[in-house]
Amino acid sequence: MTSRRSYRDVLPQQVVRAEIEKGRGAQFAPECADIMLQMIDEDIDYQLHEH
């Protein structure tokens, strides 16, 4: 979600966070989703996206 693809650009951080929250426990393991959400919350400058 944070990388450019041929069919879309990098998604905004709030969109990525919402997708992980929505998929927590279904698409993503809860433990992994919680870690990613914490990383996103700590990444105030959005350094996790592709440059």
PDB file of N, CA and C in Angstrom:
ATOM      1  N   MET A   1       0.814  -1.197   0.000  1.00  0.00           N
ATOM      2  CA  MET A   1       0.000   0.000   0.000  1.00  0.00           C
ATOM      3  C   MET A   1       0.860   1.264   0.000  1.00  0.00           C
ATOM      4  N   THR A   2       2.084   1.137   0.465  1.00  0.00           N
ATOM      5  CA  THR A   2       2.947   2.311   0.544  1.00  0.00           C
ATOM      6  C   THR A   2       3.969   2.355  -0.591  1.00  0.00           C
ATOM      7  N   SER A   3       3.776   1.514  -1.602  1.00  0.00           N
ATOM      8  CA  SER A   3       4.644   1.499  -2.780  1.00  0.00           C
ATOM      9  C   SER A   3       3.847   1.877  -4.014  1.00  0.00           C
ATOM     10  N   ARG A   4       4.526   2.505  -4.955  1.00  0.00           N
ATOM     11  CA  ARG A   4       3.881   2.811  -6.236  1.00  0.00           C
ATOM     12  C   ARG A   4       3.655   1.504  -6.999  1.00  0.00           C
ATOM     13  N   ARG A   5       2.546   1.435  -7.654  1.00  0.00           N
ATOM     14  CA  ARG A   5       2.214   0.294  -8.516  1.00  0.00           C
ATOM     15  C   ARG A   5       1.869   0.843  -9.886  1.00  0.00           C
ATOM     16  N   SER A   6       1.862  -0.020 -10.878  1.00  0.00           N
ATOM     17  CA  SER A   6       1.539   0.434 -12.235  1.00  0.00           C
ATOM     18  C   SER A   6       0.094   0.930 -12.327  1.00  0.00           C
ATOM     19  N   TYR A   7      -0.752   0.477 -11.414  1.00  0.00           N
ATOM     20  CA  TYR A   7      -2.177   0.824 -11.454  1.00  0.00           C
ATOM     21  C   TYR A   7      -2.596   1.847 -10.400  1.00  0.00           C
ATOM     22  N   ARG A   8      -1.641   2.276  -9.501  1.00  0.00           N
ATOM     23  CA  ARG A   8      -1.973   3.298  -8.511  1.00  0.00           C
ATOM     24  C   ARG A   8      -0.701   3.867  -7.901  1.00  0.00           C
ATOM     25  N   ASP A   9      -0.836   5.063  -7.329  1.00  0.00           N
ATOM     26  CA  ASP A   9       0.280   5.718  -6.656  1.00  0.00           C
ATOM     27  C   ASP A   9       0.305   5.286  -5.184  1.00  0.00           C
ATOM     28  N   VAL A  10       1.248   5.787  -4.426  1.00  0.00           N
ATOM     29  CA  VAL A  10       1.336   5.523  -2.995  1.00  0.00           C
ATOM     30  C   VAL A  10       0.061   6.024  -2.322  1.00  0.00           C
ATOM     31  N   LEU A  11      -0.510   5.208  -1.447  1.00  0.00           N
ATOM     32  CA  LEU A  11      -1.722   5.607  -0.729  1.00  0.00           C
ATOM     33  C   LEU A  11      -1.368   6.512   0.450  1.00  0.00           C
ATOM     34  N   PRO A  12      -2.238   7.448   0.781  1.00  0.00           N
ATOM     35  CA  PRO A  12      -2.011   8.297   1.954  1.00  0.00           C
ATOM     36  C   PRO A  12      -1.957   7.452   3.230  1.00  0.00           C
ATOM     37  N   GLN A  13      -1.203   7.940   4.195  1.00  0.00           N
ATOM     38  CA  GLN A  13      -0.994   7.186   5.427  1.00  0.00           C
ATOM     39  C   GLN A  13      -2.305   6.867   6.140  1.00  0.00           C
ATOM     40  N   GLN A  14      -3.253   7.796   6.168  1.00  0.00           N
ATOM     41  CA  GLN A  14      -4.511   7.525   6.872  1.00  0.00           C
ATOM     42  C   GLN A  14      -5.318   6.428   6.171  1.00  0.00           C
ATOM     43  N   VAL A  15      -5.180   6.306   4.860  1.00  0.00           N
ATOM     44  CA  VAL A  15      -5.857   5.244   4.111  1.00  0.00           C
ATOM     45  C   VAL A  15      -5.225   3.896   4.449  1.00  0.00           C
ATOM     46  N   VAL A  16      -3.904   3.853   4.504  1.00  0.00           N
ATOM     47  CA  VAL A  16      -3.187   2.620   4.857  1.00  0.00           C
ATOM     48  C   VAL A  16      -3.599   2.181   6.261  1.00  0.00           C
ATOM     49  N   ARG A  17      -3.625   3.136   7.188  1.00  0.00           N
ATOM     50  CA  ARG A  17      -4.000   2.806   8.568  1.00  0.00           C
ATOM     51  C   ARG A  17      -5.424   2.256   8.641  1.00  0.00           C
ATOM     52  N   ALA A  18      -6.335   2.873   7.928  1.00  0.00           N
ATOM     53  CA  ALA A  18      -7.728   2.418   7.927  1.00  0.00           C
ATOM     54  C   ALA A  18      -7.854   1.016   7.341  1.00  0.00           C
ATOM     55  N   GLU A  19      -7.098   0.725   6.298  1.00  0.00           N
ATOM     56  CA  GLU A  19      -7.143  -0.607   5.676  1.00  0.00           C
ATOM     57  C   GLU A  19      -6.618  -1.670   6.631  1.00  0.00           C
ATOM     58  N   ILE A  20      -5.566  -1.350   7.366  1.00  0.00           N
ATOM     59  CA  ILE A  20      -5.029  -2.315   8.331  1.00  0.00           C
ATOM     60  C   ILE A  20      -6.020  -2.523   9.465  1.00  0.00           C
ATOM     61  N   GLU A  21      -6.625  -1.451   9.959  1.00  0.00           N
ATOM     62  CA  GLU A  21      -7.647  -1.594  11.010  1.00  0.00           C
ATOM     63  C   GLU A  21      -8.813  -2.449  10.523  1.00  0.00           C
ATOM     64  N   LYS A  22      -9.260  -2.198   9.297  1.00  0.00           N
ATOM     65  CA  LYS A  22     -10.400  -2.936   8.737  1.00  0.00           C
ATOM     66  C   LYS A  22     -10.076  -4.426   8.576  1.00  0.00           C
ATOM     67  N   GLY A  23      -8.843  -4.736   8.206  1.00  0.00           N
ATOM     68  CA  GLY A  23      -8.458  -6.119   7.963  1.00  0.00           C
ATOM     69  C   GLY A  23      -7.917  -6.855   9.173  1.00  0.00           C
ATOM     70  N   ARG A  24      -7.796  -6.152  10.305  1.00  0.00           N
ATOM     71  CA  ARG A  24      -7.261  -6.770  11.522  1.00  0.00           C
ATOM     72  C   ARG A  24      -8.146  -7.942  11.945  1.00  0.00           C
ATOM     73  N   GLY A  25      -7.525  -9.111  12.069  1.00  0.00           N
ATOM     74  CA  GLY A  25      -8.252 -10.298  12.498  1.00  0.00           C
ATOM     75  C   GLY A  25      -8.866 -11.078  11.356  1.00  0.00           C
ATOM     76  N   ALA A  26      -8.923 -10.489  10.167  1.00  0.00           N
ATOM     77  CA  ALA A  26      -9.470 -11.191   8.998  1.00  0.00           C
ATOM     78  C   ALA A  26      -8.357 -11.384   7.966  1.00  0.00           C
ATOM     79  N   GLN A  27      -7.913 -10.297   7.391  1.00  0.00           N
ATOM     80  CA  GLN A  27      -6.853 -10.351   6.392  1.00  0.00           C
ATOM     81  C   GLN A  27      -5.467 -10.342   7.038  1.00  0.00           C
ATOM     82  N   PHE A  28      -5.352  -9.664   8.187  1.00  0.00           N
ATOM     83  CA  PHE A  28      -4.078  -9.523   8.885  1.00  0.00           C
ATOM     84  C   PHE A  28      -4.179 -10.121  10.280  1.00  0.00           C
ATOM     85  N   ALA A  29      -3.132 -10.819  10.700  1.00  0.00           N
ATOM     86  CA  ALA A  29      -3.086 -11.345  12.061  1.00  0.00           C
ATOM     87  C   ALA A  29      -3.146 -10.169  13.036  1.00  0.00           C
ATOM     88  N   PRO A  30      -3.975 -10.270  14.080  1.00  0.00           N
ATOM     89  CA  PRO A  30      -4.128  -9.145  15.010  1.00  0.00           C
ATOM     90  C   PRO A  30      -2.804  -8.633  15.585  1.00  0.00           C
ATOM     91  N   GLU A  31      -1.908  -9.549  15.936  1.00  0.00           N
ATOM     92  CA  GLU A  31      -0.627  -9.138  16.518  1.00  0.00           C
ATOM     93  C   GLU A  31       0.185  -8.322  15.521  1.00  0.00           C
ATOM     94  N   CYS A  32       0.204  -8.758  14.268  1.00  0.00           N
ATOM     95  CA  CYS A  32       0.950  -8.046  13.222  1.00  0.00           C
ATOM     96  C   CYS A  32       0.289  -6.706  12.906  1.00  0.00           C
ATOM     97  N   ALA A  33      -1.024  -6.699  12.841  1.00  0.00           N
ATOM     98  CA  ALA A  33      -1.749  -5.455  12.570  1.00  0.00           C
ATOM     99  C   ALA A  33      -1.483  -4.434  13.671  1.00  0.00           C
ATOM    100  N   ASP A  34      -1.490  -4.876  14.913  1.00  0.00           N
ATOM    101  CA  ASP A  34      -1.239  -3.959  16.027  1.00  0.00           C
ATOM    102  C   ASP A  34       0.160  -3.351  15.938  1.00  0.00           C
ATOM    103  N   ILE A  35       1.140  -4.157  15.562  1.00  0.00           N
ATOM    104  CA  ILE A  35       2.510  -3.658  15.407  1.00  0.00           C
ATOM    105  C   ILE A  35       2.573  -2.646  14.268  1.00  0.00           C
ATOM    106  N   MET A  36       1.927  -2.955  13.156  1.00  0.00           N
ATOM    107  CA  MET A  36       1.930  -2.014  12.024  1.00  0.00           C
ATOM    108  C   MET A  36       1.220  -0.716  12.386  1.00  0.00           C
ATOM    109  N   LEU A  37       0.099  -0.800  13.086  1.00  0.00           N
ATOM    110  CA  LEU A  37      -0.618   0.406  13.501  1.00  0.00           C
ATOM    111  C   LEU A  37       0.246   1.262  14.424  1.00  0.00           C
ATOM    112  N   GLN A  38       0.983   0.617  15.319  1.00  0.00           N
ATOM    113  CA  GLN A  38       1.886   1.356  16.202  1.00  0.00           C
ATOM    114  C   GLN A  38       2.990   2.025  15.385  1.00  0.00           C
ATOM    115  N   MET A  39       3.549   1.307  14.415  1.00  0.00           N
ATOM    116  CA  MET A  39       4.594   1.888  13.567  1.00  0.00           C
ATOM    117  C   MET A  39       4.056   3.087  12.784  1.00  0.00           C
ATOM    118  N   ILE A  40       2.840   2.966  12.266  1.00  0.00           N
ATOM    119  CA  ILE A  40       2.232   4.074  11.522  1.00  0.00           C
ATOM    120  C   ILE A  40       2.030   5.273  12.443  1.00  0.00           C
ATOM    121  N   ASP A  41       1.538   5.023  13.659  1.00  0.00           N
ATOM    122  CA  ASP A  41       1.296   6.112  14.597  1.00  0.00           C
ATOM    123  C   ASP A  41       2.586   6.835  14.980  1.00  0.00           C
ATOM    124  N   GLU A  42       3.682   6.102  15.022  1.00  0.00           N
ATOM    125  CA  GLU A  42       4.977   6.701  15.374  1.00  0.00           C
ATOM    126  C   GLU A  42       5.634   7.393  14.180  1.00  0.00           C
ATOM    127  N   ASP A  43       5.190   7.104  12.979  1.00  0.00           N
ATOM    128  CA  ASP A  43       5.785   7.643  11.746  1.00  0.00           C
ATOM    129  C   ASP A  43       5.076   8.933  11.336  1.00  0.00           C
ATOM    130  N   ILE A  44       5.263   9.984  12.120  1.00  0.00           N
ATOM    131  CA  ILE A  44       4.531  11.231  11.882  1.00  0.00           C
ATOM    132  C   ILE A  44       4.951  11.929  10.585  1.00  0.00           C
ATOM    133  N   ASP A  45       6.139  11.640  10.079  1.00  0.00           N
ATOM    134  CA  ASP A  45       6.615  12.248   8.826  1.00  0.00           C
ATOM    135  C   ASP A  45       6.372  11.345   7.615  1.00  0.00           C
ATOM    136  N   TYR A  46       5.694  10.225   7.799  1.00  0.00           N
ATOM    137  CA  TYR A  46       5.366   9.254   6.744  1.00  0.00           C
ATOM    138  C   TYR A  46       6.618   8.824   5.982  1.00  0.00           C
ATOM    139  N   GLN A  47       7.592   8.337   6.737  1.00  0.00           N
ATOM    140  CA  GLN A  47       8.836   7.853   6.149  1.00  0.00           C
ATOM    141  C   GLN A  47       8.733   6.415   5.655  1.00  0.00           C
ATOM    142  N   LEU A  48       7.650   5.714   5.987  1.00  0.00           N
ATOM    143  CA  LEU A  48       7.504   4.322   5.577  1.00  0.00           C
ATOM    144  C   LEU A  48       7.099   4.156   4.128  1.00  0.00           C
ATOM    145  N   HIS A  49       6.708   5.231   3.460  1.00  0.00           N
ATOM    146  CA  HIS A  49       6.287   5.094   2.066  1.00  0.00           C
ATOM    147  C   HIS A  49       7.491   5.070   1.118  1.00  0.00           C
ATOM    148  N   GLU A  50       7.259   4.591  -0.064  1.00  0.00           N
ATOM    149  CA  GLU A  50       8.306   4.537  -1.081  1.00  0.00           C
ATOM    150  C   GLU A  50       8.696   5.952  -1.490  1.00  0.00           C
ATOM    151  N   HIS A  51       9.984   6.188  -1.585  1.00  0.00           N
ATOM    152  CA  HIS A  51      10.491   7.512  -1.988  1.00  0.00           C
ATOM    153  C   HIS A  51      10.759   7.559  -3.465  1.00  0.00           C
TER     154      HIS A  51
END
